[in-house]
Amino acid sequence: MVKYMKKNEEYTENRSRDWLIFIVSSVAMIAFLIWMPEWVWVVWPFQFTALAGALGRL
């Protein structure tokens, strides 16, 4: 017998929150690119995860 996880066990869909996080992290990424380009990779997980959530892919 195969047990299935509930679909939203760890992630609850909230697209407005995800768009807000994506926009804020995009602004942060641009700021990092201007002033601290060696640290721009720190913003990427937030930005791309929020984009995936906002587009309904999580």
PDB file of N, CA and C in Angstrom:
ATOM      1  N   MET A   1       0.839  -1.169   0.000  1.00  0.00           N
ATOM      2  CA  MET A   1       0.000   0.000   0.000  1.00  0.00           C
ATOM      3  C   MET A   1       0.893   1.244   0.000  1.00  0.00           C
ATOM      4  N   VAL A   2       0.608   2.159  -0.890  1.00  0.00           N
ATOM      5  CA  VAL A   2       1.405   3.375  -1.027  1.00  0.00           C
ATOM      6  C   VAL A   2       0.715   4.510  -0.283  1.00  0.00           C
ATOM      7  N   LYS A   3       1.476   5.180   0.559  1.00  0.00           N
ATOM      8  CA  LYS A   3       0.936   6.336   1.283  1.00  0.00           C
ATOM      9  C   LYS A   3       1.355   7.597   0.544  1.00  0.00           C
ATOM     10  N   TYR A   4       0.427   8.498   0.377  1.00  0.00           N
ATOM     11  CA  TYR A   4       0.704   9.759  -0.295  1.00  0.00           C
ATOM     12  C   TYR A   4       0.695  10.895   0.715  1.00  0.00           C
ATOM     13  N   MET A   5       1.617  11.837   0.529  1.00  0.00           N
ATOM     14  CA  MET A   5       1.635  13.028   1.381  1.00  0.00           C
ATOM     15  C   MET A   5       0.495  13.948   0.977  1.00  0.00           C
ATOM     16  N   LYS A   6       0.019  14.696   1.932  1.00  0.00           N
ATOM     17  CA  LYS A   6      -0.960  15.713   1.586  1.00  0.00           C
ATOM     18  C   LYS A   6      -0.286  16.730   0.679  1.00  0.00           C
ATOM     19  N   LYS A   7      -1.024  17.260  -0.255  1.00  0.00           N
ATOM     20  CA  LYS A   7      -0.442  18.149  -1.259  1.00  0.00           C
ATOM     21  C   LYS A   7       0.221  19.375  -0.641  1.00  0.00           C
ATOM     22  N   ASN A   8      -0.422  20.012   0.316  1.00  0.00           N
ATOM     23  CA  ASN A   8       0.100  21.249   0.894  1.00  0.00           C
ATOM     24  C   ASN A   8       0.618  21.041   2.313  1.00  0.00           C
ATOM     25  N   GLU A   9       1.319  19.950   2.523  1.00  0.00           N
ATOM     26  CA  GLU A   9       1.767  19.657   3.867  1.00  0.00           C
ATOM     27  C   GLU A   9       2.798  20.674   4.365  1.00  0.00           C
ATOM     28  N   GLU A  10       3.710  21.096   3.502  1.00  0.00           N
ATOM     29  CA  GLU A  10       4.736  22.031   3.927  1.00  0.00           C
ATOM     30  C   GLU A  10       4.553  23.420   3.325  1.00  0.00           C
ATOM     31  N   TYR A  11       3.856  23.555   2.235  1.00  0.00           N
ATOM     32  CA  TYR A  11       3.713  24.831   1.540  1.00  0.00           C
ATOM     33  C   TYR A  11       2.244  25.179   1.404  1.00  0.00           C
ATOM     34  N   THR A  12       1.878  26.342   1.890  1.00  0.00           N
ATOM     35  CA  THR A  12       0.511  26.810   1.700  1.00  0.00           C
ATOM     36  C   THR A  12       0.526  27.891   0.625  1.00  0.00           C
ATOM     37  N   GLU A  13      -0.311  27.738  -0.349  1.00  0.00           N
ATOM     38  CA  GLU A  13      -0.315  28.644  -1.484  1.00  0.00           C
ATOM     39  C   GLU A  13      -0.850  30.017  -1.084  1.00  0.00           C
ATOM     40  N   ASN A  14      -0.060  31.030  -1.364  1.00  0.00           N
ATOM     41  CA  ASN A  14      -0.441  32.414  -1.114  1.00  0.00           C
ATOM     42  C   ASN A  14       0.303  33.247  -2.157  1.00  0.00           C
ATOM     43  N   ARG A  15      -0.320  33.411  -3.321  1.00  0.00           N
ATOM     44  CA  ARG A  15       0.378  34.036  -4.440  1.00  0.00           C
ATOM     45  C   ARG A  15       0.716  35.491  -4.200  1.00  0.00           C
ATOM     46  N   SER A  16      -0.130  36.236  -3.479  1.00  0.00           N
ATOM     47  CA  SER A  16       0.186  37.640  -3.221  1.00  0.00           C
ATOM     48  C   SER A  16       1.437  37.755  -2.346  1.00  0.00           C
ATOM     49  N   ARG A  17       1.566  36.879  -1.365  1.00  0.00           N
ATOM     50  CA  ARG A  17       2.778  36.858  -0.537  1.00  0.00           C
ATOM     51  C   ARG A  17       3.997  36.519  -1.381  1.00  0.00           C
ATOM     52  N   ASP A  18       3.857  35.537  -2.265  1.00  0.00           N
ATOM     53  CA  ASP A  18       4.975  35.125  -3.107  1.00  0.00           C
ATOM     54  C   ASP A  18       5.392  36.223  -4.078  1.00  0.00           C
ATOM     55  N   TRP A  19       4.420  36.951  -4.649  1.00  0.00           N
ATOM     56  CA  TRP A  19       4.763  38.069  -5.529  1.00  0.00           C
ATOM     57  C   TRP A  19       5.470  39.163  -4.745  1.00  0.00           C
ATOM     58  N   LEU A  20       5.023  39.431  -3.531  1.00  0.00           N
ATOM     59  CA  LEU A  20       5.651  40.453  -2.700  1.00  0.00           C
ATOM     60  C   LEU A  20       7.100  40.064  -2.375  1.00  0.00           C
ATOM     61  N   ILE A  21       7.320  38.820  -1.989  1.00  0.00           N
ATOM     62  CA  ILE A  21       8.676  38.358  -1.698  1.00  0.00           C
ATOM     63  C   ILE A  21       9.537  38.424  -2.952  1.00  0.00           C
ATOM     64  N   PHE A  22       8.970  38.067  -4.106  1.00  0.00           N
ATOM     65  CA  PHE A  22       9.723  38.131  -5.354  1.00  0.00           C
ATOM     66  C   PHE A  22      10.135  39.566  -5.677  1.00  0.00           C
ATOM     67  N   ILE A  23       9.221  40.516  -5.525  1.00  0.00           N
ATOM     68  CA  ILE A  23       9.533  41.915  -5.841  1.00  0.00           C
ATOM     69  C   ILE A  23      10.583  42.464  -4.876  1.00  0.00           C
ATOM     70  N   VAL A  24      10.424  42.184  -3.592  1.00  0.00           N
ATOM     71  CA  VAL A  24      11.390  42.661  -2.603  1.00  0.00           C
ATOM     72  C   VAL A  24      12.766  42.035  -2.844  1.00  0.00           C
ATOM     73  N   SER A  25      12.804  40.747  -3.142  1.00  0.00           N
ATOM     74  CA  SER A  25      14.097  40.113  -3.392  1.00  0.00           C
ATOM     75  C   SER A  25      14.707  40.578  -4.711  1.00  0.00           C
ATOM     76  N   SER A  26      13.888  40.972  -5.685  1.00  0.00           N
ATOM     77  CA  SER A  26      14.429  41.538  -6.924  1.00  0.00           C
ATOM     78  C   SER A  26      15.096  42.883  -6.653  1.00  0.00           C
ATOM     79  N   VAL A  27      14.456  43.706  -5.819  1.00  0.00           N
ATOM     80  CA  VAL A  27      15.062  44.988  -5.440  1.00  0.00           C
ATOM     81  C   VAL A  27      16.360  44.736  -4.672  1.00  0.00           C
ATOM     82  N   ALA A  28      16.336  43.765  -3.775  1.00  0.00           N
ATOM     83  CA  ALA A  28      17.548  43.435  -3.016  1.00  0.00           C
ATOM     84  C   ALA A  28      18.645  42.923  -3.949  1.00  0.00           C
ATOM     85  N   MET A  29      18.279  42.117  -4.941  1.00  0.00           N
ATOM     86  CA  MET A  29      19.272  41.604  -5.875  1.00  0.00           C
ATOM     87  C   MET A  29      19.919  42.736  -6.668  1.00  0.00           C
ATOM     88  N   ILE A  30      19.111  43.699  -7.113  1.00  0.00           N
ATOM     89  CA  ILE A  30      19.660  44.841  -7.855  1.00  0.00           C
ATOM     90  C   ILE A  30      20.597  45.646  -6.956  1.00  0.00           C
ATOM     91  N   ALA A  31      20.202  45.846  -5.695  1.00  0.00           N
ATOM     92  CA  ALA A  31      21.069  46.565  -4.759  1.00  0.00           C
ATOM     93  C   ALA A  31      22.370  45.807  -4.536  1.00  0.00           C
ATOM     94  N   PHE A  32      22.279  44.487  -4.387  1.00  0.00           N
ATOM     95  CA  PHE A  32      23.486  43.685  -4.208  1.00  0.00           C
ATOM     96  C   PHE A  32      24.362  43.753  -5.452  1.00  0.00           C
ATOM     97  N   LEU A  33      23.757  43.741  -6.632  1.00  0.00           N
ATOM     98  CA  LEU A  33      24.542  43.835  -7.864  1.00  0.00           C
ATOM     99  C   LEU A  33      25.284  45.168  -7.951  1.00  0.00           C
ATOM    100  N   ILE A  34      24.688  46.221  -7.442  1.00  0.00           N
ATOM    101  CA  ILE A  34      25.319  47.543  -7.499  1.00  0.00           C
ATOM    102  C   ILE A  34      26.430  47.666  -6.454  1.00  0.00           C
ATOM    103  N   TRP A  35      26.138  47.295  -5.190  1.00  0.00           N
ATOM    104  CA  TRP A  35      27.068  47.570  -4.111  1.00  0.00           C
ATOM    105  C   TRP A  35      27.901  46.379  -3.646  1.00  0.00           C
ATOM    106  N   MET A  36      27.381  45.180  -3.744  1.00  0.00           N
ATOM    107  CA  MET A  36      28.121  43.995  -3.288  1.00  0.00           C
ATOM    108  C   MET A  36      27.909  42.838  -4.264  1.00  0.00           C
ATOM    109  N   PRO A  37      28.428  42.931  -5.484  1.00  0.00           N
ATOM    110  CA  PRO A  37      28.130  41.906  -6.489  1.00  0.00           C
ATOM    111  C   PRO A  37      28.610  40.503  -6.122  1.00  0.00           C
ATOM    112  N   GLU A  38      29.593  40.394  -5.261  1.00  0.00           N
ATOM    113  CA  GLU A  38      30.080  39.063  -4.877  1.00  0.00           C
ATOM    114  C   GLU A  38      29.087  38.329  -3.972  1.00  0.00           C
ATOM    115  N   TRP A  39      28.084  39.027  -3.439  1.00  0.00           N
ATOM    116  CA  TRP A  39      27.085  38.424  -2.552  1.00  0.00           C
ATOM    117  C   TRP A  39      25.709  38.268  -3.196  1.00  0.00           C
ATOM    118  N   VAL A  40      25.608  38.505  -4.494  1.00  0.00           N
ATOM    119  CA  VAL A  40      24.298  38.458  -5.149  1.00  0.00           C
ATOM    120  C   VAL A  40      23.660  37.064  -5.069  1.00  0.00           C
ATOM    121  N   TRP A  41      24.467  36.036  -5.007  1.00  0.00           N
ATOM    122  CA  TRP A  41      23.935  34.665  -4.953  1.00  0.00           C
ATOM    123  C   TRP A  41      23.124  34.399  -3.686  1.00  0.00           C
ATOM    124  N   VAL A  42      23.299  35.211  -2.641  1.00  0.00           N
ATOM    125  CA  VAL A  42      22.559  35.023  -1.386  1.00  0.00           C
ATOM    126  C   VAL A  42      21.065  35.264  -1.594  1.00  0.00           C
ATOM    127  N   VAL A  43      20.703  36.145  -2.530  1.00  0.00           N
ATOM    128  CA  VAL A  43      19.306  36.518  -2.761  1.00  0.00           C
ATOM    129  C   VAL A  43      18.596  35.503  -3.657  1.00  0.00           C
ATOM    130  N   TRP A  44      19.333  34.776  -4.473  1.00  0.00           N
ATOM    131  CA  TRP A  44      18.715  33.901  -5.473  1.00  0.00           C
ATOM    132  C   TRP A  44      17.736  32.870  -4.924  1.00  0.00           C
ATOM    133  N   PRO A  45      18.017  32.160  -3.828  1.00  0.00           N
ATOM    134  CA  PRO A  45      17.031  31.178  -3.344  1.00  0.00           C
ATOM    135  C   PRO A  45      15.675  31.801  -3.013  1.00  0.00           C
ATOM    136  N   PHE A  46      15.691  32.971  -2.389  1.00  0.00           N
ATOM    137  CA  PHE A  46      14.434  33.654  -2.059  1.00  0.00           C
ATOM    138  C   PHE A  46      13.707  34.072  -3.337  1.00  0.00           C
ATOM    139  N   GLN A  47      14.454  34.633  -4.264  1.00  0.00           N
ATOM    140  CA  GLN A  47      13.845  35.163  -5.481  1.00  0.00           C
ATOM    141  C   GLN A  47      13.233  34.044  -6.326  1.00  0.00           C
ATOM    142  N   PHE A  48      13.979  33.004  -6.581  1.00  0.00           N
ATOM    143  CA  PHE A  48      13.477  31.960  -7.470  1.00  0.00           C
ATOM    144  C   PHE A  48      12.404  31.086  -6.821  1.00  0.00           C
ATOM    145  N   THR A  49      12.500  30.857  -5.516  1.00  0.00           N
ATOM    146  CA  THR A  49      11.447  30.103  -4.837  1.00  0.00           C
ATOM    147  C   THR A  49      10.157  30.891  -4.799  1.00  0.00           C
ATOM    148  N   ALA A  50      10.252  32.200  -4.546  1.00  0.00           N
ATOM    149  CA  ALA A  50       9.050  33.049  -4.538  1.00  0.00           C
ATOM    150  C   ALA A  50       8.446  33.124  -5.932  1.00  0.00           C
ATOM    151  N   LEU A  51       9.281  33.197  -6.958  1.00  0.00           N
ATOM    152  CA  LEU A  51       8.758  33.236  -8.335  1.00  0.00           C
ATOM    153  C   LEU A  51       8.033  31.939  -8.661  1.00  0.00           C
ATOM    154  N   ALA A  52       8.589  30.818  -8.292  1.00  0.00           N
ATOM    155  CA  ALA A  52       7.928  29.540  -8.541  1.00  0.00           C
ATOM    156  C   ALA A  52       6.593  29.460  -7.808  1.00  0.00           C
ATOM    157  N   GLY A  53       6.535  29.941  -6.578  1.00  0.00           N
ATOM    158  CA  GLY A  53       5.281  29.951  -5.817  1.00  0.00           C
ATOM    159  C   GLY A  53       4.266  30.891  -6.441  1.00  0.00           C
ATOM    160  N   ALA A  54       4.719  32.053  -6.881  1.00  0.00           N
ATOM    161  CA  ALA A  54       3.811  33.031  -7.481  1.00  0.00           C
ATOM    162  C   ALA A  54       3.229  32.522  -8.790  1.00  0.00           C
ATOM    163  N   LEU A  55       3.996  31.725  -9.519  1.00  0.00           N
ATOM    164  CA  LEU A  55       3.508  31.169 -10.783  1.00  0.00           C
ATOM    165  C   LEU A  55       2.753  29.856 -10.584  1.00  0.00           C
ATOM    166  N   GLY A  56       2.613  29.422  -9.340  1.00  0.00           N
ATOM    167  CA  GLY A  56       1.840  28.219  -9.043  1.00  0.00           C
ATOM    168  C   GLY A  56       2.576  26.923  -9.343  1.00  0.00           C
ATOM    169  N   ARG A  57       3.882  26.925  -9.253  1.00  0.00           N
ATOM    170  CA  ARG A  57       4.674  25.737  -9.572  1.00  0.00           C
ATOM    171  C   ARG A  57       5.176  24.982  -8.357  1.00  0.00           C
ATOM    172  N   LEU A  58       4.818  25.422  -7.144  1.00  0.00           N
ATOM    173  CA  LEU A  58       5.242  24.691  -5.945  1.00  0.00           C
ATOM    174  C   LEU A  58       4.130  23.790  -5.462  1.00  0.00           C
TER     175      LEU A  58
END
